[in-house]
Protein backbone atom coordinates (compact mmCIF):
# COMPACT_ATOMS: atom_id res chain seq x y z
CA MET A 1 199.32 53.34 47.22
CA PHE A 2 197.31 53.22 43.99
CA ARG A 3 195.83 56.67 44.54
CA SER A 4 199.27 58.22 44.82
CA ILE A 5 200.28 56.52 41.56
CA TYR A 6 197.24 58.04 39.84
CA PHE A 7 198.11 61.43 41.29
CA ILE A 8 201.65 61.21 39.92
CA GLN A 9 200.37 59.96 36.56
CA TYR A 10 197.86 62.81 36.28
CA ALA A 11 200.44 65.40 37.35
CA PHE A 12 202.83 64.19 34.65
CA LEU A 13 200.03 64.23 32.10
CA LEU A 14 199.24 67.87 32.92
CA ALA A 15 202.90 68.90 32.99
CA ILE A 16 203.80 67.20 29.73
CA GLY A 17 200.66 68.55 28.06
CA PHE A 18 201.44 72.09 29.23
CA VAL A 19 205.05 71.92 28.06
CA SER A 20 203.92 70.45 24.74
CA GLY A 21 201.66 73.46 24.27
CA VAL A 22 204.60 75.77 24.92
CA ILE A 23 206.68 73.90 22.33
CA CYS A 24 203.81 73.90 19.82
CA PHE A 25 203.43 77.66 20.18
CA GLN A 26 207.09 78.09 19.24
CA ALA A 27 206.54 75.98 16.11
CA PHE A 28 203.54 78.01 14.86
CA SER A 29 203.65 81.47 13.33
CA LEU A 30 201.67 84.15 15.14
CA ASP A 31 198.85 84.31 12.60
CA LYS A 32 198.41 80.51 12.56
CA SER A 33 198.44 80.38 16.34
CA MET A 34 195.78 83.11 16.45
CA ASN A 35 193.65 81.09 14.01
CA LEU A 36 193.97 78.01 16.25
CA ILE A 37 193.10 80.02 19.35
CA LYS A 38 190.11 81.56 17.56
CA LEU A 39 188.91 78.05 16.72
CA VAL A 40 189.34 76.52 20.21
CA ASP A 41 188.69 79.41 22.62
CA PRO A 42 188.31 82.90 21.10
CA ARG A 43 188.12 84.53 24.54
CA VAL A 44 191.91 84.38 24.70
CA LEU A 45 192.10 86.84 21.82
CA GLU A 46 189.43 89.26 23.01
CA LEU A 47 187.85 89.36 26.47
CA THR A 48 185.44 92.22 25.84
CA ASP A 49 181.76 91.41 25.41
CA VAL A 50 182.09 87.78 26.49
CA THR A 51 178.72 86.06 26.66
CA ILE A 52 177.64 83.26 28.94
CA TRP A 53 177.73 80.82 26.02
CA GLN A 54 181.31 81.74 25.14
CA THR A 55 182.26 80.79 28.68
CA ALA A 56 180.05 77.73 29.13
CA LEU A 57 180.44 76.16 25.69
CA PRO A 58 184.18 75.36 25.87
CA ILE A 59 183.73 73.84 29.32
CA LEU A 60 180.76 71.81 28.18
CA ILE A 61 182.40 70.55 24.99
CA TRP A 62 185.57 69.38 26.74
CA ALA A 63 183.56 67.73 29.52
CA LEU A 64 181.28 65.95 27.05
CA PHE A 65 184.25 64.62 25.09
CA VAL A 66 185.85 63.29 28.26
CA LEU A 67 182.57 61.87 29.52
CA PHE A 68 181.86 60.16 26.19
CA PHE A 69 185.23 58.42 26.14
CA THR A 70 185.17 57.66 29.86
CA THR A 71 181.81 55.91 29.72
CA HIS A 72 182.65 53.86 26.64
CA PRO A 73 183.98 50.48 27.77
CA TYR A 74 186.49 50.13 24.92
CA LEU A 75 187.56 53.74 24.36
CA HIS A 76 188.08 54.84 27.97
CA PHE A 77 191.81 55.46 27.47
CA PHE A 78 191.01 58.24 24.97
CA ALA A 79 189.53 60.30 27.82
CA LYS A 80 193.00 61.00 29.20
CA LEU A 81 194.15 61.86 25.69
CA VAL A 82 191.41 64.50 25.49
CA VAL A 83 192.60 65.94 28.81
CA ALA A 84 196.18 65.94 27.49
CA ILE A 85 195.01 67.89 24.44
CA LYS A 86 193.23 70.36 26.74
CA ALA A 87 196.43 70.72 28.80
CA THR A 88 198.35 71.30 25.57
CA PHE A 89 195.99 74.11 24.62
CA PHE A 90 196.36 75.42 28.17
CA GLY A 91 200.11 75.75 27.59
CA PHE A 92 199.60 77.12 24.08
CA GLY A 93 197.22 79.82 25.29
CA SER A 94 199.47 80.60 28.24
CA VAL A 95 202.43 81.42 26.03
CA PHE A 96 200.22 83.49 23.75
CA LEU A 97 198.91 85.54 26.67
CA LEU A 98 202.35 85.98 28.18
CA THR A 99 203.82 87.22 24.90
CA GLN A 100 201.19 89.98 24.70
CA GLN A 101 202.24 93.26 26.25
CA GLU A 102 199.35 93.90 28.65
CA SER A 103 198.13 90.39 29.38
CA ILE A 104 199.89 89.47 32.63
CA LEU A 105 196.81 90.43 34.67
CA VAL A 106 194.57 88.39 32.36
CA TYR A 107 196.94 85.45 32.60
CA SER A 108 197.44 85.50 36.37
CA VAL A 109 193.84 86.21 37.39
CA TRP A 110 191.82 84.43 34.71
CA TRP A 111 193.64 82.06 32.36
CA PHE A 112 196.10 80.16 34.55
CA PRO A 113 193.99 79.36 37.63
CA PHE A 114 190.78 78.52 35.79
CA GLN A 115 192.36 76.44 33.04
CA LEU A 116 194.45 74.50 35.56
CA ILE A 117 191.38 73.72 37.66
CA TYR A 118 189.40 72.75 34.55
CA CYS A 119 192.14 70.31 33.56
CA ILE A 120 192.12 68.82 37.07
CA LEU A 121 188.33 68.51 37.01
CA LEU A 122 188.50 66.83 33.60
CA LEU A 123 190.99 64.34 35.01
CA ALA A 124 188.62 63.67 37.88
CA LEU A 125 185.86 63.16 35.32
CA CYS A 126 187.96 60.33 33.87
CA SER A 127 187.32 58.42 37.13
CA VAL A 128 183.52 58.59 36.96
CA PHE A 129 183.17 55.29 35.12
CA GLY A 130 185.19 52.30 36.26
CA THR A 131 185.21 48.57 36.72
CA ARG A 132 184.84 46.50 39.82
CA LYS A 133 185.63 42.87 40.15
CA VAL A 134 182.56 40.86 41.14
CA GLY A 135 183.56 37.25 41.57
CA THR A 136 185.31 36.22 38.38
CA ASN A 137 183.63 38.89 36.26
CA ARG A 138 184.16 42.62 35.90
CA LYS A 139 181.23 44.94 36.38
CA PHE A 140 181.12 48.46 34.95
CA VAL A 141 180.07 51.04 37.54
CA PHE A 142 179.07 54.70 37.09
CA ASN A 143 179.91 56.73 40.20
CA LYS A 144 176.88 59.04 40.49
CA LYS A 145 178.11 60.88 43.60
CA LEU A 146 181.39 61.82 41.95
CA PHE A 147 179.60 62.81 38.75
CA PHE A 148 177.18 65.18 40.49
CA THR A 149 179.99 66.60 42.60
CA LEU A 150 181.97 67.31 39.44
CA VAL A 151 178.93 68.87 37.74
CA MET A 152 178.58 71.21 40.70
CA ALA A 153 182.32 71.98 40.61
CA PHE A 154 182.20 72.75 36.88
CA THR A 155 179.18 74.99 37.45
CA MET A 156 180.87 76.86 40.29
CA MET A 157 184.04 77.28 38.23
CA GLY A 158 182.05 78.57 35.26
CA LEU A 159 180.26 81.12 37.44
CA GLY A 160 183.57 82.14 39.01
CA GLU A 161 185.14 82.53 35.59
CA MET A 162 182.27 84.73 34.39
CA PHE A 163 182.61 86.85 37.54
CA VAL A 164 186.35 87.31 37.03
CA ILE A 165 185.95 88.17 33.35
CA SER A 166 183.07 90.59 33.96
CA TYR A 167 184.12 92.42 37.10
CA ILE A 168 187.85 92.07 37.62
CA ILE A 169 189.31 92.08 34.11
CA ASN A 170 186.82 94.34 32.35
């Protein structure tokens, strides 16, 4: 029962974040939205000559933010806020790519599937650190199996993203 509630909560978080990004894109002018995209993930603007660091760094930064807030006992609720911000940028970048004339291939093969999976993995990363009730006290527990599984999933996704950018799009 509780797992299905979390699933619904996370699905709403992703959907509302995505739609918020679409609305935010409508509020920005094109040059300001390009400046924001250049700041957060410049690969959206130009996919030629993408290095490994340009692919790995955004993944690593978002994951470290989520992991920092998740493992902090008093700031754990900010981890979902970071994922909501990522989902908002996902929607923002989606509208930008779809408004470009020749970007439907880039959007459908690279941006949408990878960014959606990254958001889902970030939500799963929010569950790495939790509490268990031991007697009358609560004990904080770090789930090492889930963490290493997510590290492997992030690594596989990063390699897949580099493959798609290098061989399919370019």
